[in-house]
Amino acid sequence: APYLSKCSDPRGCDDEREVYLPAGEWIHLWSGGAVGQRARGMNVTVAAPPGEPAVFYRRNSAAGAALVAELRAAGVMQ
């Protein structure tokens, strides 16, 4: 869930983002936390500070494992 505009509010910006996740179990890229329901989709609100957008991947997916490996190799995440 990308940021659509840069925050210019001097009082601070909302660092949370609401996203819809289809049915299944999803892993939040930055925290590693699992969310979702096997039978139906749901809306979730997650922390999304600048530099850590709301990114999820399906549990046990090859694409998710590849993404995490690439970000770790690039030094973007630990």
PDB file of N, CA and C in Angstrom:
ATOM      1  N   ALA A   1       0.855  -1.168   0.000  1.00  0.00           N
ATOM      2  CA  ALA A   1       0.000   0.000   0.000  1.00  0.00           C
ATOM      3  C   ALA A   1       0.903   1.234   0.000  1.00  0.00           C
ATOM      4  N   PRO A   2       1.149   1.814  -1.154  1.00  0.00           N
ATOM      5  CA  PRO A   2       2.098   2.930  -1.242  1.00  0.00           C
ATOM      6  C   PRO A   2       1.525   4.221  -0.672  1.00  0.00           C
ATOM      7  N   TYR A   3       2.426   5.131  -0.351  1.00  0.00           N
ATOM      8  CA  TYR A   3       2.023   6.487   0.000  1.00  0.00           C
ATOM      9  C   TYR A   3       1.652   7.199  -1.285  1.00  0.00           C
ATOM     10  N   LEU A   4       0.562   7.912  -1.268  1.00  0.00           N
ATOM     11  CA  LEU A   4       0.127   8.609  -2.470  1.00  0.00           C
ATOM     12  C   LEU A   4       0.564  10.064  -2.487  1.00  0.00           C
ATOM     13  N   SER A   5       0.945  10.610  -1.342  1.00  0.00           N
ATOM     14  CA  SER A   5       1.444  11.976  -1.293  1.00  0.00           C
ATOM     15  C   SER A   5       2.370  12.119  -0.095  1.00  0.00           C
ATOM     16  N   LYS A   6       3.273  13.062  -0.196  1.00  0.00           N
ATOM     17  CA  LYS A   6       4.208  13.324   0.888  1.00  0.00           C
ATOM     18  C   LYS A   6       3.497  14.113   1.980  1.00  0.00           C
ATOM     19  N   CYS A   7       3.765  13.766   3.215  1.00  0.00           N
ATOM     20  CA  CYS A   7       3.157  14.466   4.337  1.00  0.00           C
ATOM     21  C   CYS A   7       3.823  15.828   4.493  1.00  0.00           C
ATOM     22  N   SER A   8       3.007  16.852   4.634  1.00  0.00           N
ATOM     23  CA  SER A   8       3.548  18.197   4.836  1.00  0.00           C
ATOM     24  C   SER A   8       2.983  18.847   6.095  1.00  0.00           C
ATOM     25  N   ASP A   9       2.338  18.051   6.926  1.00  0.00           N
ATOM     26  CA  ASP A   9       1.738  18.566   8.152  1.00  0.00           C
ATOM     27  C   ASP A   9       2.827  18.736   9.209  1.00  0.00           C
ATOM     28  N   PRO A  10       3.099  19.960   9.687  1.00  0.00           N
ATOM     29  CA  PRO A  10       4.161  20.162  10.683  1.00  0.00           C
ATOM     30  C   PRO A  10       3.866  19.501  12.019  1.00  0.00           C
ATOM     31  N   ARG A  11       2.605  19.112  12.275  1.00  0.00           N
ATOM     32  CA  ARG A  11       2.253  18.452  13.538  1.00  0.00           C
ATOM     33  C   ARG A  11       2.528  16.961  13.494  1.00  0.00           C
ATOM     34  N   GLY A  12       2.885  16.464  12.331  1.00  0.00           N
ATOM     35  CA  GLY A  12       3.149  15.038  12.195  1.00  0.00           C
ATOM     36  C   GLY A  12       2.167  14.393  11.250  1.00  0.00           C
ATOM     37  N   CYS A  13       2.474  13.189  10.864  1.00  0.00           N
ATOM     38  CA  CYS A  13       1.652  12.485   9.888  1.00  0.00           C
ATOM     39  C   CYS A  13       1.184  11.156  10.468  1.00  0.00           C
ATOM     40  N   ASP A  14       0.118  10.671   9.903  1.00  0.00           N
ATOM     41  CA  ASP A  14      -0.419   9.387  10.311  1.00  0.00           C
ATOM     42  C   ASP A  14       0.516   8.283   9.809  1.00  0.00           C
ATOM     43  N   ASP A  15       1.068   7.517  10.716  1.00  0.00           N
ATOM     44  CA  ASP A  15       1.993   6.450  10.341  1.00  0.00           C
ATOM     45  C   ASP A  15       1.296   5.099  10.291  1.00  0.00           C
ATOM     46  N   GLU A  16      -0.013   5.090  10.124  1.00  0.00           N
ATOM     47  CA  GLU A  16      -0.751   3.846   9.984  1.00  0.00           C
ATOM     48  C   GLU A  16      -1.456   3.829   8.642  1.00  0.00           C
ATOM     49  N   ARG A  17      -1.710   2.626   8.183  1.00  0.00           N
ATOM     50  CA  ARG A  17      -2.356   2.466   6.882  1.00  0.00           C
ATOM     51  C   ARG A  17      -3.343   1.313   6.976  1.00  0.00           C
ATOM     52  N   GLU A  18      -4.546   1.508   6.432  1.00  0.00           N
ATOM     53  CA  GLU A  18      -5.523   0.425   6.379  1.00  0.00           C
ATOM     54  C   GLU A  18      -5.441  -0.216   4.998  1.00  0.00           C
ATOM     55  N   VAL A  19      -5.350  -1.539   4.975  1.00  0.00           N
ATOM     56  CA  VAL A  19      -5.278  -2.276   3.716  1.00  0.00           C
ATOM     57  C   VAL A  19      -6.238  -3.462   3.765  1.00  0.00           C
ATOM     58  N   TYR A  20      -6.680  -3.883   2.602  1.00  0.00           N
ATOM     59  CA  TYR A  20      -7.519  -5.070   2.488  1.00  0.00           C
ATOM     60  C   TYR A  20      -6.634  -6.246   2.110  1.00  0.00           C
ATOM     61  N   LEU A  21      -6.777  -7.351   2.830  1.00  0.00           N
ATOM     62  CA  LEU A  21      -6.041  -8.575   2.520  1.00  0.00           C
ATOM     63  C   LEU A  21      -7.038  -9.647   2.107  1.00  0.00           C
ATOM     64  N   PRO A  22      -6.840 -10.291   0.974  1.00  0.00           N
ATOM     65  CA  PRO A  22      -7.732 -11.384   0.567  1.00  0.00           C
ATOM     66  C   PRO A  22      -7.653 -12.543   1.559  1.00  0.00           C
ATOM     67  N   ALA A  23      -8.541 -13.504   1.401  1.00  0.00           N
ATOM     68  CA  ALA A  23      -8.539 -14.680   2.274  1.00  0.00           C
ATOM     69  C   ALA A  23      -7.165 -15.338   2.272  1.00  0.00           C
ATOM     70  N   GLY A  24      -6.766 -15.842   3.402  1.00  0.00           N
ATOM     71  CA  GLY A  24      -5.473 -16.501   3.539  1.00  0.00           C
ATOM     72  C   GLY A  24      -4.685 -15.886   4.676  1.00  0.00           C
ATOM     73  N   GLU A  25      -3.516 -16.416   4.919  1.00  0.00           N
ATOM     74  CA  GLU A  25      -2.649 -15.892   5.973  1.00  0.00           C
ATOM     75  C   GLU A  25      -1.536 -15.088   5.325  1.00  0.00           C
ATOM     76  N   TRP A  26      -1.371 -13.862   5.803  1.00  0.00           N
ATOM     77  CA  TRP A  26      -0.416 -12.915   5.237  1.00  0.00           C
ATOM     78  C   TRP A  26       0.614 -12.519   6.284  1.00  0.00           C
ATOM     79  N   ILE A  27       1.828 -12.272   5.838  1.00  0.00           N
ATOM     80  CA  ILE A  27       2.921 -11.871   6.723  1.00  0.00           C
ATOM     81  C   ILE A  27       3.260 -10.411   6.444  1.00  0.00           C
ATOM     82  N   HIS A  28       3.298  -9.616   7.497  1.00  0.00           N
ATOM     83  CA  HIS A  28       3.699  -8.211   7.379  1.00  0.00           C
ATOM     84  C   HIS A  28       5.217  -8.187   7.204  1.00  0.00           C
ATOM     85  N   LEU A  29       5.669  -7.591   6.126  1.00  0.00           N
ATOM     86  CA  LEU A  29       7.093  -7.630   5.762  1.00  0.00           C
ATOM     87  C   LEU A  29       7.997  -7.137   6.875  1.00  0.00           C
ATOM     88  N   TRP A  30       7.674  -6.033   7.494  1.00  0.00           N
ATOM     89  CA  TRP A  30       8.601  -5.397   8.435  1.00  0.00           C
ATOM     90  C   TRP A  30       8.556  -5.991   9.827  1.00  0.00           C
ATOM     91  N   SER A  31       7.392  -6.427  10.299  1.00  0.00           N
ATOM     92  CA  SER A  31       7.306  -6.960  11.661  1.00  0.00           C
ATOM     93  C   SER A  31       7.385  -8.483  11.703  1.00  0.00           C
ATOM     94  N   GLY A  32       7.051  -9.132  10.579  1.00  0.00           N
ATOM     95  CA  GLY A  32       7.007 -10.587  10.557  1.00  0.00           C
ATOM     96  C   GLY A  32       5.728 -11.150  11.157  1.00  0.00           C
ATOM     97  N   GLY A  33       4.824 -10.268  11.572  1.00  0.00           N
ATOM     98  CA  GLY A  33       3.569 -10.700  12.175  1.00  0.00           C
ATOM     99  C   GLY A  33       2.608 -11.269  11.145  1.00  0.00           C
ATOM    100  N   ALA A  34       1.866 -12.301  11.546  1.00  0.00           N
ATOM    101  CA  ALA A  34       0.894 -12.936  10.663  1.00  0.00           C
ATOM    102  C   ALA A  34      -0.492 -12.355  10.924  1.00  0.00           C
ATOM    103  N   VAL A  35      -1.235 -12.106   9.851  1.00  0.00           N
ATOM    104  CA  VAL A  35      -2.603 -11.626   9.940  1.00  0.00           C
ATOM    105  C   VAL A  35      -3.422 -12.306   8.854  1.00  0.00           C
ATOM    106  N   GLY A  36      -4.717 -12.232   8.996  1.00  0.00           N
ATOM    107  CA  GLY A  36      -5.598 -12.772   7.968  1.00  0.00           C
ATOM    108  C   GLY A  36      -6.439 -13.907   8.482  1.00  0.00           C
ATOM    109  N   GLN A  37      -7.403 -14.268   7.648  1.00  0.00           N
ATOM    110  CA  GLN A  37      -8.312 -15.360   7.966  1.00  0.00           C
ATOM    111  C   GLN A  37      -8.367 -16.300   6.781  1.00  0.00           C
ATOM    112  N   ARG A  38      -8.336 -17.562   7.051  1.00  0.00           N
ATOM    113  CA  ARG A  38      -8.317 -18.567   5.996  1.00  0.00           C
ATOM    114  C   ARG A  38      -9.546 -18.500   5.093  1.00  0.00           C
ATOM    115  N   ALA A  39     -10.717 -18.227   5.668  1.00  0.00           N
ATOM    116  CA  ALA A  39     -11.962 -18.327   4.920  1.00  0.00           C
ATOM    117  C   ALA A  39     -12.385 -17.048   4.193  1.00  0.00           C
ATOM    118  N   ARG A  40     -11.933 -15.887   4.658  1.00  0.00           N
ATOM    119  CA  ARG A  40     -12.396 -14.654   4.014  1.00  0.00           C
ATOM    120  C   ARG A  40     -11.379 -13.537   4.150  1.00  0.00           C
ATOM    121  N   GLY A  41     -11.505 -12.545   3.289  1.00  0.00           N
ATOM    122  CA  GLY A  41     -10.624 -11.389   3.336  1.00  0.00           C
ATOM    123  C   GLY A  41     -10.979 -10.476   4.497  1.00  0.00           C
ATOM    124  N   MET A  42     -10.105  -9.527   4.775  1.00  0.00           N
ATOM    125  CA  MET A  42     -10.346  -8.610   5.877  1.00  0.00           C
ATOM    126  C   MET A  42      -9.539  -7.337   5.716  1.00  0.00           C
ATOM    127  N   ASN A  43      -9.994  -6.276   6.363  1.00  0.00           N
ATOM    128  CA  ASN A  43      -9.239  -5.031   6.436  1.00  0.00           C
ATOM    129  C   ASN A  43      -8.383  -5.067   7.685  1.00  0.00           C
ATOM    130  N   VAL A  44      -7.134  -4.608   7.584  1.00  0.00           N
ATOM    131  CA  VAL A  44      -6.250  -4.503   8.735  1.00  0.00           C
ATOM    132  C   VAL A  44      -5.596  -3.132   8.717  1.00  0.00           C
ATOM    133  N   THR A  45      -5.280  -2.630   9.894  1.00  0.00           N
ATOM    134  CA  THR A  45      -4.549  -1.377  10.029  1.00  0.00           C
ATOM    135  C   THR A  45      -3.184  -1.710  10.602  1.00  0.00           C
ATOM    136  N   VAL A  46      -2.133  -1.250   9.928  1.00  0.00           N
ATOM    137  CA  VAL A  46      -0.772  -1.555  10.350  1.00  0.00           C
ATOM    138  C   VAL A  46       0.072  -0.290  10.395  1.00  0.00           C
ATOM    139  N   ALA A  47       1.130  -0.334  11.177  1.00  0.00           N
ATOM    140  CA  ALA A  47       2.097   0.753  11.187  1.00  0.00           C
ATOM    141  C   ALA A  47       2.727   0.839   9.801  1.00  0.00           C
ATOM    142  N   ALA A  48       2.884   2.060   9.304  1.00  0.00           N
ATOM    143  CA  ALA A  48       3.491   2.257   7.989  1.00  0.00           C
ATOM    144  C   ALA A  48       4.270   3.566   7.984  1.00  0.00           C
ATOM    145  N   PRO A  49       5.314   3.640   8.819  1.00  0.00           N
ATOM    146  CA  PRO A  49       6.104   4.874   8.841  1.00  0.00           C
ATOM    147  C   PRO A  49       6.872   5.035   7.531  1.00  0.00           C
ATOM    148  N   PRO A  50       7.331   6.247   7.243  1.00  0.00           N
ATOM    149  CA  PRO A  50       8.132   6.444   6.027  1.00  0.00           C
ATOM    150  C   PRO A  50       9.290   5.442   5.973  1.00  0.00           C
ATOM    151  N   GLY A  51       9.478   4.853   4.826  1.00  0.00           N
ATOM    152  CA  GLY A  51      10.530   3.855   4.655  1.00  0.00           C
ATOM    153  C   GLY A  51      10.082   2.434   4.915  1.00  0.00           C
ATOM    154  N   GLU A  52       8.918   2.260   5.505  1.00  0.00           N
ATOM    155  CA  GLU A  52       8.371   0.932   5.782  1.00  0.00           C
ATOM    156  C   GLU A  52       6.914   0.881   5.372  1.00  0.00           C
ATOM    157  N   PRO A  53       6.630   0.916   4.077  1.00  0.00           N
ATOM    158  CA  PRO A  53       5.232   0.897   3.628  1.00  0.00           C
ATOM    159  C   PRO A  53       4.551  -0.419   4.000  1.00  0.00           C
ATOM    160  N   ALA A  54       3.241  -0.407   3.959  1.00  0.00           N
ATOM    161  CA  ALA A  54       2.449  -1.593   4.305  1.00  0.00           C
ATOM    162  C   ALA A  54       2.604  -2.641   3.206  1.00  0.00           C
ATOM    163  N   VAL A  55       3.497  -3.595   3.437  1.00  0.00           N
ATOM    164  CA  VAL A  55       3.762  -4.658   2.470  1.00  0.00           C
ATOM    165  C   VAL A  55       3.487  -5.996   3.146  1.00  0.00           C
ATOM    166  N   PHE A  56       2.718  -6.839   2.478  1.00  0.00           N
ATOM    167  CA  PHE A  56       2.399  -8.174   2.978  1.00  0.00           C
ATOM    168  C   PHE A  56       2.704  -9.199   1.900  1.00  0.00           C
ATOM    169  N   TYR A  57       3.042 -10.406   2.317  1.00  0.00           N
ATOM    170  CA  TYR A  57       3.190 -11.520   1.381  1.00  0.00           C
ATOM    171  C   TYR A  57       2.503 -12.737   1.981  1.00  0.00           C
ATOM    172  N   ARG A  58       2.030 -13.598   1.112  1.00  0.00           N
ATOM    173  CA  ARG A  58       1.317 -14.792   1.567  1.00  0.00           C
ATOM    174  C   ARG A  58       2.290 -15.735   2.279  1.00  0.00           C
ATOM    175  N   ARG A  59       1.850 -16.262   3.425  1.00  0.00           N
ATOM    176  CA  ARG A  59       2.691 -17.186   4.198  1.00  0.00           C
ATOM    177  C   ARG A  59       3.152 -18.340   3.304  1.00  0.00           C
ATOM    178  N   ASN A  60       4.409 -18.707   3.444  1.00  0.00           N
ATOM    179  CA  ASN A  60       5.041 -19.822   2.730  1.00  0.00           C
ATOM    180  C   ASN A  60       5.104 -19.635   1.212  1.00  0.00           C
ATOM    181  N   SER A  61       5.013 -18.404   0.734  1.00  0.00           N
ATOM    182  CA  SER A  61       5.098 -18.194  -0.709  1.00  0.00           C
ATOM    183  C   SER A  61       6.557 -18.035  -1.138  1.00  0.00           C
ATOM    184  N   ALA A  62       6.863 -18.557  -2.299  1.00  0.00           N
ATOM    185  CA  ALA A  62       8.221 -18.418  -2.850  1.00  0.00           C
ATOM    186  C   ALA A  62       8.535 -16.953  -3.117  1.00  0.00           C
ATOM    187  N   ALA A  63       7.547 -16.203  -3.600  1.00  0.00           N
ATOM    188  CA  ALA A  63       7.765 -14.781  -3.886  1.00  0.00           C
ATOM    189  C   ALA A  63       8.077 -14.008  -2.608  1.00  0.00           C
ATOM    190  N   GLY A  64       7.385 -14.324  -1.513  1.00  0.00           N
ATOM    191  CA  GLY A  64       7.644 -13.661  -0.243  1.00  0.00           C
ATOM    192  C   GLY A  64       9.040 -13.980   0.279  1.00  0.00           C
ATOM    193  N   ALA A  65       9.433 -15.242   0.208  1.00  0.00           N
ATOM    194  CA  ALA A  65      10.770 -15.635   0.659  1.00  0.00           C
ATOM    195  C   ALA A  65      11.846 -14.948  -0.172  1.00  0.00           C
ATOM    196  N   ALA A  66      11.623 -14.841  -1.481  1.00  0.00           N
ATOM    197  CA  ALA A  66      12.589 -14.183  -2.358  1.00  0.00           C
ATOM    198  C   ALA A  66      12.692 -12.696  -2.035  1.00  0.00           C
ATOM    199  N   LEU A  67      11.556 -12.049  -1.776  1.00  0.00           N
ATOM    200  CA  LEU A  67      11.554 -10.631  -1.435  1.00  0.00           C
ATOM    201  C   LEU A  67      12.344 -10.384  -0.153  1.00  0.00           C
ATOM    202  N   VAL A  68      12.079 -11.160   0.874  1.00  0.00           N
ATOM    203  CA  VAL A  68      12.790 -11.003   2.145  1.00  0.00           C
ATOM    204  C   VAL A  68      14.287 -11.228   1.942  1.00  0.00           C
ATOM    205  N   ALA A  69      14.662 -12.255   1.205  1.00  0.00           N
ATOM    206  CA  ALA A  69      16.086 -12.539   0.961  1.00  0.00           C
ATOM    207  C   ALA A  69      16.756 -11.382   0.225  1.00  0.00           C
ATOM    208  N   GLU A  70      16.085 -10.830  -0.776  1.00  0.00           N
ATOM    209  CA  GLU A  70      16.665  -9.715  -1.532  1.00  0.00           C
ATOM    210  C   GLU A  70      16.822  -8.471  -0.671  1.00  0.00           C
ATOM    211  N   LEU A  71      15.830  -8.167   0.156  1.00  0.00           N
ATOM    212  CA  LEU A  71      15.931  -6.991   1.021  1.00  0.00           C
ATOM    213  C   LEU A  71      17.012  -7.156   2.074  1.00  0.00           C
ATOM    214  N   ARG A  72      17.160  -8.359   2.593  1.00  0.00           N
ATOM    215  CA  ARG A  72      18.248  -8.612   3.557  1.00  0.00           C
ATOM    216  C   ARG A  72      19.610  -8.498   2.894  1.00  0.00           C
ATOM    217  N   ALA A  73      19.750  -9.057   1.694  1.00  0.00           N
ATOM    218  CA  ALA A  73      21.027  -8.986   0.967  1.00  0.00           C
ATOM    219  C   ALA A  73      21.394  -7.539   0.630  1.00  0.00           C
ATOM    220  N   ALA A  74      20.389  -6.720   0.395  1.00  0.00           N
ATOM    221  CA  ALA A  74      20.628  -5.313   0.069  1.00  0.00           C
ATOM    222  C   ALA A  74      20.824  -4.455   1.313  1.00  0.00           C
ATOM    223  N   GLY A  75      20.651  -5.037   2.502  1.00  0.00           N
ATOM    224  CA  GLY A  75      20.822  -4.311   3.735  1.00  0.00           C
ATOM    225  C   GLY A  75      19.635  -3.415   4.116  1.00  0.00           C
ATOM    226  N   VAL A  76      18.497  -3.639   3.467  1.00  0.00           N
ATOM    227  CA  VAL A  76      17.313  -2.837   3.729  1.00  0.00           C
ATOM    228  C   VAL A  76      16.624  -3.305   5.011  1.00  0.00           C
ATOM    229  N   MET A  77      16.706  -4.594   5.292  1.00  0.00           N
ATOM    230  CA  MET A  77      16.122  -5.128   6.520  1.00  0.00           C
ATOM    231  C   MET A  77      17.035  -6.203   7.090  1.00  0.00           C
ATOM    232  N   GLN A  78      16.828  -6.489   8.360  1.00  0.00           N
ATOM    233  CA  GLN A  78      17.684  -7.482   9.023  1.00  0.00           C
ATOM    234  C   GLN A  78      17.039  -8.837   9.047  1.00  0.00           C
TER     235      GLN A  78
END
